[in-house]
Amino acid sequence: MKVKITKPDSTLYDGEASLVQLPGTGGLFEVLNNHAPIISSLAKGTLRIVTADGEKTFDIRGGVVKGQQNDLLILVQ
């Protein structure tokens, strides 16, 4: 799936991923390919993505995620 992780002043990641693990305000959750449409708020924690090249992690202070049709946009602080 296409994933874009953006901060107000920069883009942290823009590429493909097979799994994204997010710190939701209701708890940790994962998004995989063909996930149902989603909009959720994010809490402080670690955002993890799994790509063909391995794994990447980002510490975030909160944000929101919107996903549909294998396109995930994550806005973080």
PDB file of N, CA and C in Angstrom:
ATOM      1  N   MET A   1       0.839  -1.177   0.000  1.00  0.00           N
ATOM      2  CA  MET A   1       0.000   0.000   0.000  1.00  0.00           C
ATOM      3  C   MET A   1       0.883   1.238   0.000  1.00  0.00           C
ATOM      4  N   LYS A   2       0.364   2.333  -0.505  1.00  0.00           N
ATOM      5  CA  LYS A   2       1.070   3.603  -0.557  1.00  0.00           C
ATOM      6  C   LYS A   2       0.926   4.297   0.796  1.00  0.00           C
ATOM      7  N   VAL A   3       2.035   4.729   1.376  1.00  0.00           N
ATOM      8  CA  VAL A   3       2.025   5.367   2.695  1.00  0.00           C
ATOM      9  C   VAL A   3       2.771   6.694   2.620  1.00  0.00           C
ATOM     10  N   LYS A   4       2.149   7.727   3.175  1.00  0.00           N
ATOM     11  CA  LYS A   4       2.813   9.026   3.290  1.00  0.00           C
ATOM     12  C   LYS A   4       2.682   9.487   4.730  1.00  0.00           C
ATOM     13  N   ILE A   5       3.833   9.766   5.364  1.00  0.00           N
ATOM     14  CA  ILE A   5       3.869  10.266   6.737  1.00  0.00           C
ATOM     15  C   ILE A   5       4.416  11.685   6.683  1.00  0.00           C
ATOM     16  N   THR A   6       3.598  12.638   7.148  1.00  0.00           N
ATOM     17  CA  THR A   6       3.939  14.047   7.002  1.00  0.00           C
ATOM     18  C   THR A   6       3.866  14.781   8.335  1.00  0.00           C
ATOM     19  N   LYS A   7       4.868  15.622   8.586  1.00  0.00           N
ATOM     20  CA  LYS A   7       4.858  16.571   9.699  1.00  0.00           C
ATOM     21  C   LYS A   7       4.534  17.940   9.112  1.00  0.00           C
ATOM     22  N   PRO A   8       4.203  18.927   9.955  1.00  0.00           N
ATOM     23  CA  PRO A   8       3.902  20.255   9.413  1.00  0.00           C
ATOM     24  C   PRO A   8       5.030  20.857   8.568  1.00  0.00           C
ATOM     25  N   ASP A   9       6.274  20.504   8.875  1.00  0.00           N
ATOM     26  CA  ASP A   9       7.397  21.123   8.179  1.00  0.00           C
ATOM     27  C   ASP A   9       8.185  20.185   7.259  1.00  0.00           C
ATOM     28  N   SER A  10       7.802  18.901   7.207  1.00  0.00           N
ATOM     29  CA  SER A  10       8.566  17.969   6.370  1.00  0.00           C
ATOM     30  C   SER A  10       7.796  16.668   6.141  1.00  0.00           C
ATOM     31  N   THR A  11       8.277  15.891   5.195  1.00  0.00           N
ATOM     32  CA  THR A  11       7.737  14.560   4.946  1.00  0.00           C
ATOM     33  C   THR A  11       8.714  13.551   5.516  1.00  0.00           C
ATOM     34  N   LEU A  12       8.226  12.665   6.401  1.00  0.00           N
ATOM     35  CA  LEU A  12       9.076  11.658   7.025  1.00  0.00           C
ATOM     36  C   LEU A  12       9.237  10.421   6.148  1.00  0.00           C
ATOM     37  N   TYR A  13       8.165  10.053   5.428  1.00  0.00           N
ATOM     38  CA  TYR A  13       8.214   8.857   4.588  1.00  0.00           C
ATOM     39  C   TYR A  13       7.177   8.981   3.489  1.00  0.00           C
ATOM     40  N   ASP A  14       7.537   8.546   2.300  1.00  0.00           N
ATOM     41  CA  ASP A  14       6.620   8.519   1.162  1.00  0.00           C
ATOM     42  C   ASP A  14       7.005   7.326   0.302  1.00  0.00           C
ATOM     43  N   GLY A  15       6.251   6.246   0.426  1.00  0.00           N
ATOM     44  CA  GLY A  15       6.593   5.042  -0.323  1.00  0.00           C
ATOM     45  C   GLY A  15       5.635   3.910  -0.034  1.00  0.00           C
ATOM     46  N   GLU A  16       6.070   2.701  -0.347  1.00  0.00           N
ATOM     47  CA  GLU A  16       5.247   1.504  -0.186  1.00  0.00           C
ATOM     48  C   GLU A  16       5.514   0.842   1.163  1.00  0.00           C
ATOM     49  N   ALA A  17       4.492   0.193   1.700  1.00  0.00           N
ATOM     50  CA  ALA A  17       4.620  -0.581   2.934  1.00  0.00           C
ATOM     51  C   ALA A  17       3.615  -1.725   2.899  1.00  0.00           C
ATOM     52  N   SER A  18       3.949  -2.809   3.586  1.00  0.00           N
ATOM     53  CA  SER A  18       3.023  -3.942   3.667  1.00  0.00           C
ATOM     54  C   SER A  18       2.249  -3.935   4.981  1.00  0.00           C
ATOM     55  N   LEU A  19       2.770  -3.233   5.993  1.00  0.00           N
ATOM     56  CA  LEU A  19       2.118  -3.138   7.293  1.00  0.00           C
ATOM     57  C   LEU A  19       2.467  -1.809   7.935  1.00  0.00           C
ATOM     58  N   VAL A  20       1.487  -1.185   8.579  1.00  0.00           N
ATOM     59  CA  VAL A  20       1.720   0.032   9.354  1.00  0.00           C
ATOM     60  C   VAL A  20       1.094  -0.186  10.725  1.00  0.00           C
ATOM     61  N   GLN A  21       1.898  -0.010  11.771  1.00  0.00           N
ATOM     62  CA  GLN A  21       1.415  -0.137  13.150  1.00  0.00           C
ATOM     63  C   GLN A  21       1.381   1.258  13.759  1.00  0.00           C
ATOM     64  N   LEU A  22       0.215   1.618  14.312  1.00  0.00           N
ATOM     65  CA  LEU A  22      -0.017   2.988  14.766  1.00  0.00           C
ATOM     66  C   LEU A  22      -0.458   3.029  16.230  1.00  0.00           C
ATOM     67  N   PRO A  23      -0.012   4.066  16.982  1.00  0.00           N
ATOM     68  CA  PRO A  23      -0.465   4.236  18.359  1.00  0.00           C
ATOM     69  C   PRO A  23      -1.763   5.054  18.403  1.00  0.00           C
ATOM     70  N   GLY A  24      -2.888   4.388  18.277  1.00  0.00           N
ATOM     71  CA  GLY A  24      -4.180   5.083  18.302  1.00  0.00           C
ATOM     72  C   GLY A  24      -4.519   5.560  19.702  1.00  0.00           C
ATOM     73  N   THR A  25      -5.413   6.521  19.807  1.00  0.00           N
ATOM     74  CA  THR A  25      -5.819   7.007  21.125  1.00  0.00           C
ATOM     75  C   THR A  25      -6.567   5.930  21.901  1.00  0.00           C
ATOM     76  N   GLY A  26      -7.113   4.940  21.213  1.00  0.00           N
ATOM     77  CA  GLY A  26      -7.784   3.820  21.869  1.00  0.00           C
ATOM     78  C   GLY A  26      -6.892   2.605  22.016  1.00  0.00           C
ATOM     79  N   GLY A  27      -5.646   2.701  21.602  1.00  0.00           N
ATOM     80  CA  GLY A  27      -4.699   1.587  21.682  1.00  0.00           C
ATOM     81  C   GLY A  27      -3.986   1.361  20.368  1.00  0.00           C
ATOM     82  N   LEU A  28      -3.011   0.501  20.405  1.00  0.00           N
ATOM     83  CA  LEU A  28      -2.191   0.175  19.241  1.00  0.00           C
ATOM     84  C   LEU A  28      -3.018  -0.601  18.216  1.00  0.00           C
ATOM     85  N   PHE A  29      -2.882  -0.245  16.923  1.00  0.00           N
ATOM     86  CA  PHE A  29      -3.569  -0.998  15.864  1.00  0.00           C
ATOM     87  C   PHE A  29      -2.707  -1.046  14.615  1.00  0.00           C
ATOM     88  N   GLU A  30      -3.054  -1.968  13.720  1.00  0.00           N
ATOM     89  CA  GLU A  30      -2.291  -2.163  12.490  1.00  0.00           C
ATOM     90  C   GLU A  30      -3.178  -2.011  11.266  1.00  0.00           C
ATOM     91  N   VAL A  31      -2.568  -1.535  10.188  1.00  0.00           N
ATOM     92  CA  VAL A  31      -3.242  -1.418   8.897  1.00  0.00           C
ATOM     93  C   VAL A  31      -2.444  -2.259   7.902  1.00  0.00           C
ATOM     94  N   LEU A  32      -3.150  -3.141   7.196  1.00  0.00           N
ATOM     95  CA  LEU A  32      -2.554  -3.991   6.175  1.00  0.00           C
ATOM     96  C   LEU A  32      -3.147  -3.646   4.816  1.00  0.00           C
ATOM     97  N   ASN A  33      -2.613  -4.240   3.754  1.00  0.00           N
ATOM     98  CA  ASN A  33      -3.189  -4.066   2.418  1.00  0.00           C
ATOM     99  C   ASN A  33      -4.671  -4.413   2.433  1.00  0.00           C
ATOM    100  N   ASN A  34      -5.440  -3.689   1.650  1.00  0.00           N
ATOM    101  CA  ASN A  34      -6.890  -3.897   1.505  1.00  0.00           C
ATOM    102  C   ASN A  34      -7.675  -3.692   2.796  1.00  0.00           C
ATOM    103  N   HIS A  35      -7.155  -2.864   3.693  1.00  0.00           N
ATOM    104  CA  HIS A  35      -7.854  -2.531   4.938  1.00  0.00           C
ATOM    105  C   HIS A  35      -9.114  -1.733   4.607  1.00  0.00           C
ATOM    106  N   ALA A  36     -10.133  -1.881   5.416  1.00  0.00           N
ATOM    107  CA  ALA A  36     -11.351  -1.081   5.255  1.00  0.00           C
ATOM    108  C   ALA A  36     -10.993   0.403   5.428  1.00  0.00           C
ATOM    109  N   PRO A  37     -11.765   1.311   4.825  1.00  0.00           N
ATOM    110  CA  PRO A  37     -11.491   2.735   5.004  1.00  0.00           C
ATOM    111  C   PRO A  37     -11.438   3.090   6.495  1.00  0.00           C
ATOM    112  N   ILE A  38     -10.504   3.991   6.840  1.00  0.00           N
ATOM    113  CA  ILE A  38     -10.291   4.326   8.246  1.00  0.00           C
ATOM    114  C   ILE A  38      -9.910   5.790   8.400  1.00  0.00           C
ATOM    115  N   ILE A  39     -10.410   6.387   9.467  1.00  0.00           N
ATOM    116  CA  ILE A  39      -9.950   7.696   9.952  1.00  0.00           C
ATOM    117  C   ILE A  39      -9.826   7.533  11.457  1.00  0.00           C
ATOM    118  N   SER A  40      -8.665   7.885  12.019  1.00  0.00           N
ATOM    119  CA  SER A  40      -8.447   7.702  13.451  1.00  0.00           C
ATOM    120  C   SER A  40      -7.484   8.754  13.973  1.00  0.00           C
ATOM    121  N   SER A  41      -7.643   9.087  15.240  1.00  0.00           N
ATOM    122  CA  SER A  41      -6.682   9.968  15.906  1.00  0.00           C
ATOM    123  C   SER A  41      -5.543   9.119  16.467  1.00  0.00           C
ATOM    124  N   LEU A  42      -4.373   9.735  16.564  1.00  0.00           N
ATOM    125  CA  LEU A  42      -3.189   9.037  17.038  1.00  0.00           C
ATOM    126  C   LEU A  42      -2.686   9.666  18.332  1.00  0.00           C
ATOM    127  N   ALA A  43      -2.133   8.831  19.198  1.00  0.00           N
ATOM    128  CA  ALA A  43      -1.583   9.271  20.471  1.00  0.00           C
ATOM    129  C   ALA A  43      -0.056   9.306  20.377  1.00  0.00           C
ATOM    130  N   LYS A  44       0.563   9.785  21.440  1.00  0.00           N
ATOM    131  CA  LYS A  44       2.019   9.768  21.530  1.00  0.00           C
ATOM    132  C   LYS A  44       2.481   8.322  21.560  1.00  0.00           C
ATOM    133  N   GLY A  45       3.511   8.017  20.778  1.00  0.00           N
ATOM    134  CA  GLY A  45       4.034   6.658  20.740  1.00  0.00           C
ATOM    135  C   GLY A  45       4.922   6.427  19.539  1.00  0.00           C
ATOM    136  N   THR A  46       5.095   5.170  19.193  1.00  0.00           N
ATOM    137  CA  THR A  46       5.955   4.783  18.075  1.00  0.00           C
ATOM    138  C   THR A  46       5.122   4.276  16.917  1.00  0.00           C
ATOM    139  N   LEU A  47       5.351   4.846  15.754  1.00  0.00           N
ATOM    140  CA  LEU A  47       4.710   4.436  14.510  1.00  0.00           C
ATOM    141  C   LEU A  47       5.706   3.523  13.808  1.00  0.00           C
ATOM    142  N   ARG A  48       5.270   2.348  13.380  1.00  0.00           N
ATOM    143  CA  ARG A  48       6.158   1.365  12.758  1.00  0.00           C
ATOM    144  C   ARG A  48       5.619   1.003  11.388  1.00  0.00           C
ATOM    145  N   ILE A  49       6.507   0.992  10.392  1.00  0.00           N
ATOM    146  CA  ILE A  49       6.113   0.535   9.067  1.00  0.00           C
ATOM    147  C   ILE A  49       7.047  -0.584   8.620  1.00  0.00           C
ATOM    148  N   VAL A  50       6.477  -1.549   7.916  1.00  0.00           N
ATOM    149  CA  VAL A  50       7.256  -2.663   7.366  1.00  0.00           C
ATOM    150  C   VAL A  50       7.252  -2.511   5.855  1.00  0.00           C
ATOM    151  N   THR A  51       8.459  -2.441   5.280  1.00  0.00           N
ATOM    152  CA  THR A  51       8.624  -2.281   3.840  1.00  0.00           C
ATOM    153  C   THR A  51       9.377  -3.486   3.286  1.00  0.00           C
ATOM    154  N   ALA A  52       9.563  -3.524   1.990  1.00  0.00           N
ATOM    155  CA  ALA A  52      10.333  -4.597   1.354  1.00  0.00           C
ATOM    156  C   ALA A  52      11.792  -4.568   1.819  1.00  0.00           C
ATOM    157  N   ASP A  53      12.271  -3.387   2.220  1.00  0.00           N
ATOM    158  CA  ASP A  53      13.663  -3.230   2.665  1.00  0.00           C
ATOM    159  C   ASP A  53      13.854  -3.459   4.157  1.00  0.00           C
ATOM    160  N   GLY A  54      12.782  -3.675   4.891  1.00  0.00           N
ATOM    161  CA  GLY A  54      12.908  -3.866   6.336  1.00  0.00           C
ATOM    162  C   GLY A  54      11.846  -3.098   7.096  1.00  0.00           C
ATOM    163  N   GLU A  55      12.239  -2.581   8.234  1.00  0.00           N
ATOM    164  CA  GLU A  55      11.314  -1.915   9.140  1.00  0.00           C
ATOM    165  C   GLU A  55      11.823  -0.514   9.477  1.00  0.00           C
ATOM    166  N   LYS A  56      10.897   0.428   9.595  1.00  0.00           N
ATOM    167  CA  LYS A  56      11.244   1.800   9.989  1.00  0.00           C
ATOM    168  C   LYS A  56      10.330   2.193  11.141  1.00  0.00           C
ATOM    169  N   THR A  57      10.851   2.964  12.093  1.00  0.00           N
ATOM    170  CA  THR A  57      10.039   3.448  13.200  1.00  0.00           C
ATOM    171  C   THR A  57      10.188   4.955  13.327  1.00  0.00           C
ATOM    172  N   PHE A  58       9.122   5.592  13.796  1.00  0.00           N
ATOM    173  CA  PHE A  58       9.105   7.033  14.012  1.00  0.00           C
ATOM    174  C   PHE A  58       8.421   7.302  15.352  1.00  0.00           C
ATOM    175  N   ASP A  59       9.036   8.092  16.212  1.00  0.00           N
ATOM    176  CA  ASP A  59       8.388   8.511  17.457  1.00  0.00           C
ATOM    177  C   ASP A  59       7.536   9.724  17.145  1.00  0.00           C
ATOM    178  N   ILE A  60       6.259   9.665  17.543  1.00  0.00           N
ATOM    179  CA  ILE A  60       5.342  10.771  17.256  1.00  0.00           C
ATOM    180  C   ILE A  60       4.705  11.266  18.548  1.00  0.00           C
ATOM    181  N   ARG A  61       4.190  12.491  18.512  1.00  0.00           N
ATOM    182  CA  ARG A  61       3.511  13.084  19.669  1.00  0.00           C
ATOM    183  C   ARG A  61       2.001  13.094  19.496  1.00  0.00           C
ATOM    184  N   GLY A  62       1.504  12.523  18.404  1.00  0.00           N
ATOM    185  CA  GLY A  62       0.078  12.488  18.114  1.00  0.00           C
ATOM    186  C   GLY A  62      -0.153  12.801  16.653  1.00  0.00           C
ATOM    187  N   GLY A  63      -1.425  12.738  16.245  1.00  0.00           N
ATOM    188  CA  GLY A  63      -1.750  13.039  14.863  1.00  0.00           C
ATOM    189  C   GLY A  63      -3.053  12.390  14.439  1.00  0.00           C
ATOM    190  N   VAL A  64      -3.205  12.236  13.124  1.00  0.00           N
ATOM    191  CA  VAL A  64      -4.388  11.589  12.554  1.00  0.00           C
ATOM    192  C   VAL A  64      -3.951  10.726  11.375  1.00  0.00           C
ATOM    193  N   VAL A  65      -4.778   9.718  11.080  1.00  0.00           N
ATOM    194  CA  VAL A  65      -4.525   8.858   9.929  1.00  0.00           C
ATOM    195  C   VAL A  65      -5.811   8.729   9.130  1.00  0.00           C
ATOM    196  N   LYS A  66      -5.660   8.733   7.805  1.00  0.00           N
ATOM    197  CA  LYS A  66      -6.792   8.512   6.898  1.00  0.00           C
ATOM    198  C   LYS A  66      -6.334   7.502   5.865  1.00  0.00           C
ATOM    199  N   GLY A  67      -7.140   6.468   5.683  1.00  0.00           N
ATOM    200  CA  GLY A  67      -6.772   5.454   4.712  1.00  0.00           C
ATOM    201  C   GLY A  67      -7.966   4.936   3.942  1.00  0.00           C
ATOM    202  N   GLN A  68      -7.750   4.701   2.640  1.00  0.00           N
ATOM    203  CA  GLN A  68      -8.754   4.078   1.786  1.00  0.00           C
ATOM    204  C   GLN A  68      -8.078   3.596   0.512  1.00  0.00           C
ATOM    205  N   GLN A  69      -8.545   2.501  -0.025  1.00  0.00           N
ATOM    206  CA  GLN A  69      -8.056   1.929  -1.286  1.00  0.00           C
ATOM    207  C   GLN A  69      -6.531   1.827  -1.348  1.00  0.00           C
ATOM    208  N   ASN A  70      -5.943   1.262  -0.292  1.00  0.00           N
ATOM    209  CA  ASN A  70      -4.496   1.068  -0.202  1.00  0.00           C
ATOM    210  C   ASN A  70      -3.685   2.355  -0.311  1.00  0.00           C
ATOM    211  N   ASP A  71      -4.241   3.453   0.169  1.00  0.00           N
ATOM    212  CA  ASP A  71      -3.564   4.740   0.202  1.00  0.00           C
ATOM    213  C   ASP A  71      -3.723   5.290   1.615  1.00  0.00           C
ATOM    214  N   LEU A  72      -2.616   5.395   2.352  1.00  0.00           N
ATOM    215  CA  LEU A  72      -2.647   5.789   3.755  1.00  0.00           C
ATOM    216  C   LEU A  72      -1.911   7.122   3.929  1.00  0.00           C
ATOM    217  N   LEU A  73      -2.604   8.111   4.470  1.00  0.00           N
ATOM    218  CA  LEU A  73      -2.012   9.416   4.762  1.00  0.00           C
ATOM    219  C   LEU A  73      -1.987   9.580   6.268  1.00  0.00           C
ATOM    220  N   ILE A  74      -0.785   9.838   6.813  1.00  0.00           N
ATOM    221  CA  ILE A  74      -0.600   9.978   8.250  1.00  0.00           C
ATOM    222  C   ILE A  74      -0.017  11.354   8.518  1.00  0.00           C
ATOM    223  N   LEU A  75      -0.754  12.177   9.261  1.00  0.00           N
ATOM    224  CA  LEU A  75      -0.292  13.509   9.638  1.00  0.00           C
ATOM    225  C   LEU A  75       0.108  13.455  11.101  1.00  0.00           C
ATOM    226  N   VAL A  76       1.361  13.783  11.416  1.00  0.00           N
ATOM    227  CA  VAL A  76       1.880  13.647  12.781  1.00  0.00           C
ATOM    228  C   VAL A  76       2.508  14.935  13.273  1.00  0.00           C
ATOM    229  N   GLN A  77       2.677  14.974  14.583  1.00  0.00           N
ATOM    230  CA  GLN A  77       3.373  16.094  15.231  1.00  0.00           C
ATOM    231  C   GLN A  77       4.713  15.625  15.726  1.00  0.00           C
TER     232      GLN A  77
END
